N, C-alpha and C. Protein backbone atom coordinates (compact mmCIF):
# COMPACT_ATOMS: atom_id res chain seq x y z
N MET A 1 17.81 5.93 12.66
CA MET A 1 17.18 6.80 13.62
C MET A 1 18.15 7.94 13.96
N LYS A 2 17.62 9.13 14.01
CA LYS A 2 18.43 10.31 14.27
C LYS A 2 18.80 10.38 15.75
N THR A 3 20.04 10.77 16.03
CA THR A 3 20.49 10.94 17.41
C THR A 3 20.95 12.37 17.64
N ILE A 4 20.91 12.78 18.91
CA ILE A 4 21.33 14.14 19.25
C ILE A 4 21.90 14.13 20.68
N LYS A 5 22.88 14.95 20.93
CA LYS A 5 23.47 15.07 22.26
C LYS A 5 22.46 15.76 23.19
N ALA A 6 22.50 15.40 24.47
CA ALA A 6 21.57 15.96 25.45
C ALA A 6 21.71 17.48 25.54
N SER A 7 22.93 17.98 25.47
CA SER A 7 23.14 19.43 25.56
C SER A 7 22.50 20.15 24.37
N GLU A 8 22.61 19.56 23.20
CA GLU A 8 22.00 20.15 22.00
C GLU A 8 20.48 20.03 22.08
N PHE A 9 19.99 18.89 22.59
CA PHE A 9 18.55 18.71 22.75
C PHE A 9 17.98 19.77 23.70
N LYS A 10 18.70 20.03 24.78
CA LYS A 10 18.26 21.01 25.76
C LYS A 10 18.11 22.39 25.12
N ALA A 11 19.02 22.75 24.25
CA ALA A 11 19.00 24.06 23.61
C ALA A 11 17.90 24.17 22.55
N LYS A 12 17.53 23.06 21.92
CA LYS A 12 16.58 23.08 20.80
C LYS A 12 15.32 22.24 21.06
N CYS A 13 15.02 22.02 22.32
CA CYS A 13 13.97 21.08 22.71
C CYS A 13 12.64 21.31 21.99
N LEU A 14 12.08 22.49 22.06
CA LEU A 14 10.76 22.75 21.49
C LEU A 14 10.75 22.56 19.97
N LYS A 15 11.79 23.01 19.31
CA LYS A 15 11.89 22.86 17.85
C LYS A 15 11.96 21.37 17.49
N LEU A 16 12.75 20.61 18.24
CA LEU A 16 12.89 19.18 17.97
C LEU A 16 11.59 18.42 18.24
N MET A 17 10.85 18.83 19.27
CA MET A 17 9.57 18.20 19.54
C MET A 17 8.59 18.43 18.38
N ASP A 18 8.57 19.64 17.85
CA ASP A 18 7.71 19.93 16.70
C ASP A 18 8.13 19.10 15.48
N GLU A 19 9.43 18.97 15.29
CA GLU A 19 9.97 18.21 14.16
C GLU A 19 9.57 16.74 14.24
N VAL A 20 9.68 16.15 15.42
CA VAL A 20 9.31 14.75 15.62
C VAL A 20 7.81 14.56 15.39
N ALA A 21 7.01 15.51 15.86
CA ALA A 21 5.56 15.44 15.67
C ALA A 21 5.19 15.51 14.19
N GLU A 22 5.89 16.34 13.43
CA GLU A 22 5.59 16.52 12.01
C GLU A 22 6.06 15.34 11.16
N THR A 23 7.29 14.88 11.40
CA THR A 23 7.86 13.82 10.56
C THR A 23 7.49 12.42 11.02
N GLY A 24 7.21 12.27 12.34
CA GLY A 24 6.92 10.94 12.87
C GLY A 24 8.17 10.11 13.12
N GLU A 25 9.34 10.69 12.87
CA GLU A 25 10.60 9.97 13.06
C GLU A 25 11.10 10.13 14.49
N PRO A 26 11.35 9.03 15.20
CA PRO A 26 11.84 9.12 16.58
C PRO A 26 13.23 9.77 16.65
N LEU A 27 13.55 10.27 17.82
CA LEU A 27 14.83 10.93 18.05
C LEU A 27 15.46 10.33 19.30
N VAL A 28 16.70 9.86 19.19
CA VAL A 28 17.41 9.29 20.34
C VAL A 28 18.30 10.37 20.93
N ILE A 29 18.19 10.55 22.25
CA ILE A 29 18.98 11.55 22.95
C ILE A 29 20.11 10.83 23.68
N THR A 30 21.33 11.30 23.46
CA THR A 30 22.50 10.63 24.04
C THR A 30 23.17 11.52 25.08
N LYS A 31 23.84 10.85 26.00
CA LYS A 31 24.63 11.54 27.03
C LYS A 31 25.96 10.81 27.11
N HIS A 32 27.03 11.52 26.86
CA HIS A 32 28.37 10.93 26.81
C HIS A 32 28.43 9.80 25.78
N GLY A 33 27.72 9.98 24.68
CA GLY A 33 27.76 9.01 23.59
C GLY A 33 26.86 7.80 23.76
N LYS A 34 26.15 7.69 24.89
CA LYS A 34 25.28 6.54 25.14
C LYS A 34 23.82 6.98 25.10
N PRO A 35 22.97 6.20 24.46
CA PRO A 35 21.54 6.56 24.41
C PRO A 35 20.92 6.53 25.80
N VAL A 36 20.18 7.59 26.14
CA VAL A 36 19.53 7.66 27.44
C VAL A 36 18.01 7.85 27.33
N ALA A 37 17.54 8.33 26.20
CA ALA A 37 16.11 8.57 26.03
C ALA A 37 15.76 8.56 24.56
N ARG A 38 14.47 8.33 24.31
CA ARG A 38 13.97 8.36 22.94
C ARG A 38 12.72 9.23 22.91
N LEU A 39 12.68 10.17 22.00
CA LEU A 39 11.52 11.03 21.81
C LEU A 39 10.74 10.48 20.63
N ILE A 40 9.50 10.08 20.87
CA ILE A 40 8.67 9.51 19.81
C ILE A 40 7.39 10.32 19.69
N PRO A 41 6.79 10.36 18.51
CA PRO A 41 5.55 11.12 18.35
C PRO A 41 4.38 10.42 19.02
N GLU A 42 3.47 11.20 19.55
CA GLU A 42 2.25 10.68 20.14
C GLU A 42 1.23 10.45 19.02
N PRO A 43 0.61 9.27 18.99
CA PRO A 43 -0.41 9.04 17.96
C PRO A 43 -1.53 10.06 18.12
N THR A 44 -1.93 10.68 17.02
CA THR A 44 -2.94 11.74 17.10
C THR A 44 -4.35 11.23 16.82
N GLN A 45 -4.49 10.17 16.06
CA GLN A 45 -5.81 9.67 15.73
C GLN A 45 -5.97 8.23 16.19
N ARG A 46 -7.13 7.94 16.71
CA ARG A 46 -7.44 6.57 17.06
C ARG A 46 -7.96 5.87 15.82
N ARG A 47 -7.61 4.61 15.71
CA ARG A 47 -8.12 3.83 14.59
C ARG A 47 -9.56 3.45 14.86
N SER A 48 -10.38 3.52 13.84
CA SER A 48 -11.77 3.14 13.97
C SER A 48 -11.87 1.62 14.08
N ILE A 49 -12.82 1.15 14.88
CA ILE A 49 -13.00 -0.29 14.99
C ILE A 49 -13.80 -0.83 13.80
N ILE A 50 -14.42 0.05 13.06
CA ILE A 50 -15.17 -0.38 11.88
C ILE A 50 -14.17 -0.79 10.80
N GLY A 51 -14.27 -2.02 10.38
CA GLY A 51 -13.38 -2.55 9.36
C GLY A 51 -12.03 -2.99 9.89
N LEU A 52 -11.89 -3.05 11.19
CA LEU A 52 -10.61 -3.40 11.81
C LEU A 52 -10.11 -4.78 11.36
N HIS A 53 -11.02 -5.74 11.22
CA HIS A 53 -10.64 -7.11 10.86
C HIS A 53 -10.96 -7.44 9.40
N LYS A 54 -11.12 -6.44 8.59
CA LYS A 54 -11.44 -6.66 7.19
C LYS A 54 -10.36 -7.54 6.54
N GLY A 55 -10.81 -8.60 5.89
CA GLY A 55 -9.89 -9.51 5.22
C GLY A 55 -9.32 -10.58 6.14
N GLN A 56 -9.62 -10.52 7.43
CA GLN A 56 -9.09 -11.49 8.37
C GLN A 56 -10.14 -12.50 8.83
N ILE A 57 -11.42 -12.16 8.64
CA ILE A 57 -12.51 -13.02 9.09
C ILE A 57 -13.29 -13.50 7.87
N GLU A 58 -13.62 -14.77 7.88
CA GLU A 58 -14.39 -15.34 6.77
C GLU A 58 -15.70 -15.89 7.33
N ILE A 59 -16.83 -15.46 6.74
CA ILE A 59 -18.14 -15.93 7.16
C ILE A 59 -18.51 -17.12 6.28
N LEU A 60 -18.81 -18.23 6.92
CA LEU A 60 -19.18 -19.44 6.21
C LEU A 60 -20.68 -19.67 6.34
N GLY A 61 -21.38 -19.72 5.26
CA GLY A 61 -22.82 -19.97 5.29
C GLY A 61 -23.62 -18.72 5.55
N ASP A 62 -24.93 -18.93 5.78
CA ASP A 62 -25.86 -17.84 6.00
C ASP A 62 -25.93 -17.54 7.50
N ILE A 63 -25.54 -16.34 7.90
CA ILE A 63 -25.49 -16.03 9.33
C ILE A 63 -26.80 -15.46 9.86
N VAL A 64 -27.81 -15.22 8.99
CA VAL A 64 -29.07 -14.68 9.46
C VAL A 64 -30.24 -15.65 9.31
N ALA A 65 -30.03 -16.75 8.64
CA ALA A 65 -31.10 -17.74 8.46
C ALA A 65 -31.32 -18.51 9.76
N PRO A 66 -32.56 -18.98 9.98
CA PRO A 66 -32.83 -19.80 11.17
C PRO A 66 -31.97 -21.06 11.17
N THR A 67 -31.56 -21.48 12.36
CA THR A 67 -30.70 -22.66 12.47
C THR A 67 -31.49 -23.94 12.67
N GLY A 68 -32.78 -23.81 13.07
CA GLY A 68 -33.58 -24.98 13.32
C GLY A 68 -33.43 -25.48 14.75
N VAL A 69 -32.58 -24.85 15.53
CA VAL A 69 -32.37 -25.24 16.92
C VAL A 69 -33.29 -24.38 17.78
N GLU A 70 -34.07 -25.05 18.66
CA GLU A 70 -34.98 -24.31 19.53
C GLU A 70 -34.21 -23.71 20.69
N TRP A 71 -34.45 -22.45 20.95
CA TRP A 71 -33.79 -21.77 22.06
C TRP A 71 -34.55 -22.04 23.34
N GLU A 72 -33.84 -22.09 24.41
CA GLU A 72 -34.48 -22.30 25.71
C GLU A 72 -35.41 -21.13 26.04
N ALA A 73 -35.08 -19.95 25.61
CA ALA A 73 -35.90 -18.77 25.87
C ALA A 73 -37.22 -18.80 25.14
N GLU A 74 -37.34 -19.58 24.08
CA GLU A 74 -38.56 -19.64 23.30
C GLU A 74 -39.55 -20.65 23.88
N ARG A 75 -39.15 -21.45 24.83
CA ARG A 75 -40.04 -22.46 25.41
C ARG A 75 -41.08 -21.88 26.30
């Protein structure tokens, strides 16, 4: 992970923000040699829920066929 001194970050803040947004690589900001903050990119796209669990769920049997169990609502 790339690190930068706070004084240098202050001088190049906007350029560094653009760089982090483009590359997706976080940037650690240090003060007196110690990490004090981390600049990370904001996710730009939300993941679609369609296909979210693809390959993780297994359907056993026929899920649309009648089960033979009478529902209380049908009485």
